[in-house]
Amino acid sequence: MIERFEAGPRMSQVVTYPASGKIVVLAGQVAGDTSLDVAGQTADVLAKTDRLLALAGADKSQLISATIWLRDIAEFNQMNAVWDKWVIAGQAPARACTEARMAAPEIRVEIQVTAHIA
């Protein structure tokens, strides 16, 4: 069973999970349409994340960790507005977000998640 401590609406400070089961690690995902603003790219990335988790037999309720890279940290609030609507209340993963130079200048956000299937 996944346990979350100091769980807020956006992230949990601590996530624990049992050693048995399956760990699902997604590669960092970027938007397919990089002409979108950061909110659009975030929505695109999260839709891809849902699809890829499903391929592994998981879903966002089983997330234990997320790392988010933003091209411009000034877009933090716009990205969070989309993230906050996507993440399940009370089941938010541990999360970190930082500004980073992206592989291509049109990429505004990249998200990597890890999930646990019991």
C-alpha atoms as a PDB file:
ATOM      1  CA  MET A   1       0.000   0.000   0.000  1.00  0.00           C
ATOM      2  CA  ILE A   2       1.300   3.448  -0.880  1.00  0.00           C
ATOM      3  CA  GLU A   3       1.423   5.811   2.109  1.00  0.00           C
ATOM      4  CA  ARG A   4       1.709   9.586   1.848  1.00  0.00           C
ATOM      5  CA  PHE A   5       2.739  11.917   4.671  1.00  0.00           C
ATOM      6  CA  GLU A   6       2.219  15.673   4.806  1.00  0.00           C
ATOM      7  CA  ALA A   7       0.142  15.300   1.662  1.00  0.00           C
ATOM      8  CA  GLY A   8      -0.947  18.585   0.146  1.00  0.00           C
ATOM      9  CA  PRO A   9      -3.041  19.294  -2.921  1.00  0.00           C
ATOM     10  CA  ARG A  10       0.045  19.540  -5.166  1.00  0.00           C
ATOM     11  CA  MET A  11       2.581  17.169  -3.653  1.00  0.00           C
ATOM     12  CA  SER A  12       3.358  14.916  -0.719  1.00  0.00           C
ATOM     13  CA  GLN A  13       6.502  15.508   1.309  1.00  0.00           C
ATOM     14  CA  VAL A  14       7.045  11.762   1.846  1.00  0.00           C
ATOM     15  CA  VAL A  15       5.784   8.732  -0.092  1.00  0.00           C
ATOM     16  CA  THR A  16       6.503   5.174   1.031  1.00  0.00           C
ATOM     17  CA  TYR A  17       5.656   1.913  -0.683  1.00  0.00           C
ATOM     18  CA  PRO A  18       6.289  -1.770   0.014  1.00  0.00           C
ATOM     19  CA  ALA A  19       9.206  -3.559  -1.589  1.00  0.00           C
ATOM     20  CA  SER A  20       6.991  -6.082  -3.374  1.00  0.00           C
ATOM     21  CA  GLY A  21       5.108  -5.313  -6.555  1.00  0.00           C
ATOM     22  CA  LYS A  22       6.285  -3.461  -9.635  1.00  0.00           C
ATOM     23  CA  ILE A  23       7.942  -0.071  -9.990  1.00  0.00           C
ATOM     24  CA  VAL A  24       6.996   1.829 -13.151  1.00  0.00           C
ATOM     25  CA  VAL A  25       9.506   4.468 -14.262  1.00  0.00           C
ATOM     26  CA  LEU A  26       8.605   6.677 -17.205  1.00  0.00           C
ATOM     27  CA  ALA A  27      11.209   8.504 -19.216  1.00  0.00           C
ATOM     28  CA  GLY A  28      10.974  12.274 -19.167  1.00  0.00           C
ATOM     29  CA  GLN A  29       8.027  13.301 -21.344  1.00  0.00           C
ATOM     30  CA  VAL A  30       7.775  16.438 -23.461  1.00  0.00           C
ATOM     31  CA  ALA A  31       4.855  17.774 -25.474  1.00  0.00           C
ATOM     32  CA  GLY A  32       4.231  16.520 -28.975  1.00  0.00           C
ATOM     33  CA  ASP A  33       3.139  20.033 -29.951  1.00  0.00           C
ATOM     34  CA  THR A  34       5.853  22.401 -28.789  1.00  0.00           C
ATOM     35  CA  SER A  35       4.104  25.418 -30.325  1.00  0.00           C
ATOM     36  CA  LEU A  36       1.764  25.434 -27.296  1.00  0.00           C
ATOM     37  CA  ASP A  37       2.266  27.650 -24.249  1.00  0.00           C
ATOM     38  CA  VAL A  38       3.446  26.037 -21.007  1.00  0.00           C
ATOM     39  CA  ALA A  39      -0.114  25.197 -19.903  1.00  0.00           C
ATOM     40  CA  GLY A  40      -0.839  23.485 -23.223  1.00  0.00           C
ATOM     41  CA  GLN A  41       2.459  21.627 -23.175  1.00  0.00           C
ATOM     42  CA  THR A  42       1.837  20.512 -19.588  1.00  0.00           C
ATOM     43  CA  ALA A  43      -1.614  19.182 -20.515  1.00  0.00           C
ATOM     44  CA  ASP A  44      -0.092  17.342 -23.495  1.00  0.00           C
ATOM     45  CA  VAL A  45       2.640  15.814 -21.325  1.00  0.00           C
ATOM     46  CA  LEU A  46       0.166  14.708 -18.651  1.00  0.00           C
ATOM     47  CA  ALA A  47      -2.070  13.071 -21.277  1.00  0.00           C
ATOM     48  CA  LYS A  48       0.997  11.183 -22.555  1.00  0.00           C
ATOM     49  CA  THR A  49       1.810  10.247 -18.965  1.00  0.00           C
ATOM     50  CA  ASP A  50      -1.687   8.802 -18.457  1.00  0.00           C
ATOM     51  CA  ARG A  51      -1.340   6.757 -21.658  1.00  0.00           C
ATOM     52  CA  LEU A  52       2.113   5.426 -20.795  1.00  0.00           C
ATOM     53  CA  LEU A  53       1.146   4.541 -17.231  1.00  0.00           C
ATOM     54  CA  ALA A  54      -1.825   2.592 -18.617  1.00  0.00           C
ATOM     55  CA  LEU A  55       0.528   0.624 -20.899  1.00  0.00           C
ATOM     56  CA  ALA A  56       2.271  -0.596 -17.751  1.00  0.00           C
ATOM     57  CA  GLY A  57      -1.001  -1.340 -15.950  1.00  0.00           C
ATOM     58  CA  ALA A  58      -0.742   1.723 -13.706  1.00  0.00           C
ATOM     59  CA  ASP A  59      -2.479   5.069 -13.318  1.00  0.00           C
ATOM     60  CA  LYS A  60      -1.810   8.408 -11.660  1.00  0.00           C
ATOM     61  CA  SER A  61      -3.272   7.212  -8.336  1.00  0.00           C
ATOM     62  CA  GLN A  62      -0.143   5.043  -8.029  1.00  0.00           C
ATOM     63  CA  LEU A  63       2.418   7.813  -8.533  1.00  0.00           C
ATOM     64  CA  ILE A  64       5.109   7.974  -5.893  1.00  0.00           C
ATOM     65  CA  SER A  65       7.420  10.575  -7.430  1.00  0.00           C
ATOM     66  CA  ALA A  66       7.472  13.306 -10.078  1.00  0.00           C
ATOM     67  CA  THR A  67      10.265  15.531 -11.342  1.00  0.00           C
ATOM     68  CA  ILE A  68       9.375  18.579 -13.417  1.00  0.00           C
ATOM     69  CA  TRP A  69      11.781  20.707 -15.427  1.00  0.00           C
ATOM     70  CA  LEU A  70      10.670  24.118 -16.688  1.00  0.00           C
ATOM     71  CA  ARG A  71      12.459  26.150 -19.319  1.00  0.00           C
ATOM     72  CA  ASP A  72      11.457  29.300 -17.415  1.00  0.00           C
ATOM     73  CA  ILE A  73      10.618  29.121 -13.703  1.00  0.00           C
ATOM     74  CA  ALA A  74       8.437  32.219 -14.215  1.00  0.00           C
ATOM     75  CA  GLU A  75       5.924  29.784 -15.796  1.00  0.00           C
ATOM     76  CA  PHE A  76       5.682  27.773 -12.551  1.00  0.00           C
ATOM     77  CA  ASN A  77       2.150  28.972 -11.721  1.00  0.00           C
ATOM     78  CA  GLN A  78       0.785  28.258 -15.216  1.00  0.00           C
ATOM     79  CA  MET A  79       2.227  24.725 -15.132  1.00  0.00           C
ATOM     80  CA  ASN A  80       0.879  24.172 -11.607  1.00  0.00           C
ATOM     81  CA  ALA A  81      -2.629  25.241 -12.632  1.00  0.00           C
ATOM     82  CA  VAL A  82      -2.721  22.307 -15.071  1.00  0.00           C
ATOM     83  CA  TRP A  83      -0.926  19.896 -12.717  1.00  0.00           C
ATOM     84  CA  ASP A  84      -3.301  20.703  -9.846  1.00  0.00           C
ATOM     85  CA  LYS A  85      -6.347  19.824 -11.982  1.00  0.00           C
ATOM     86  CA  TRP A  86      -4.722  16.558 -13.111  1.00  0.00           C
ATOM     87  CA  VAL A  87      -3.329  15.143  -9.876  1.00  0.00           C
ATOM     88  CA  ILE A  88      -5.749  13.207  -7.645  1.00  0.00           C
ATOM     89  CA  ALA A  89      -6.513  14.973  -4.354  1.00  0.00           C
ATOM     90  CA  GLY A  90      -4.904  13.132  -1.445  1.00  0.00           C
ATOM     91  CA  GLN A  91      -2.785  10.997  -3.788  1.00  0.00           C
ATOM     92  CA  ALA A  92      -0.206  13.504  -4.963  1.00  0.00           C
ATOM     93  CA  PRO A  93       3.324  12.122  -5.383  1.00  0.00           C
ATOM     94  CA  ALA A  94       6.493  13.478  -3.871  1.00  0.00           C
ATOM     95  CA  ARG A  95       7.568  16.158  -6.338  1.00  0.00           C
ATOM     96  CA  ALA A  96      10.399  18.461  -7.316  1.00  0.00           C
ATOM     97  CA  CYS A  97      10.394  21.236  -9.913  1.00  0.00           C
ATOM     98  CA  THR A  98      13.322  23.218 -11.219  1.00  0.00           C
ATOM     99  CA  GLU A  99      14.328  25.471 -14.077  1.00  0.00           C
ATOM    100  CA  ALA A 100      16.515  23.812 -16.692  1.00  0.00           C
ATOM    101  CA  ARG A 101      17.959  24.333 -20.142  1.00  0.00           C
ATOM    102  CA  MET A 102      15.949  22.050 -22.405  1.00  0.00           C
ATOM    103  CA  ALA A 103      17.171  19.834 -25.241  1.00  0.00           C
ATOM    104  CA  ALA A 104      15.372  22.126 -27.712  1.00  0.00           C
ATOM    105  CA  PRO A 105      14.433  25.765 -27.099  1.00  0.00           C
ATOM    106  CA  GLU A 106      10.738  25.255 -27.922  1.00  0.00           C
ATOM    107  CA  ILE A 107      10.301  22.691 -25.117  1.00  0.00           C
ATOM    108  CA  ARG A 108       8.812  24.501 -22.120  1.00  0.00           C
ATOM    109  CA  VAL A 109       8.244  21.582 -19.712  1.00  0.00           C
ATOM    110  CA  GLU A 110       9.442  18.015 -19.194  1.00  0.00           C
ATOM    111  CA  ILE A 111       7.937  15.661 -16.613  1.00  0.00           C
ATOM    112  CA  GLN A 112       9.247  12.305 -15.370  1.00  0.00           C
ATOM    113  CA  VAL A 113       7.181  10.137 -13.012  1.00  0.00           C
ATOM    114  CA  THR A 114       7.570   6.931 -11.059  1.00  0.00           C
ATOM    115  CA  ALA A 115       4.638   4.764  -9.964  1.00  0.00           C
ATOM    116  CA  HIS A 116       4.191   1.614  -7.875  1.00  0.00           C
ATOM    117  CA  ILE A 117       1.860  -1.264  -8.698  1.00  0.00           C
ATOM    118  CA  ALA A 118       1.135  -3.461  -5.671  1.00  0.00           C
END
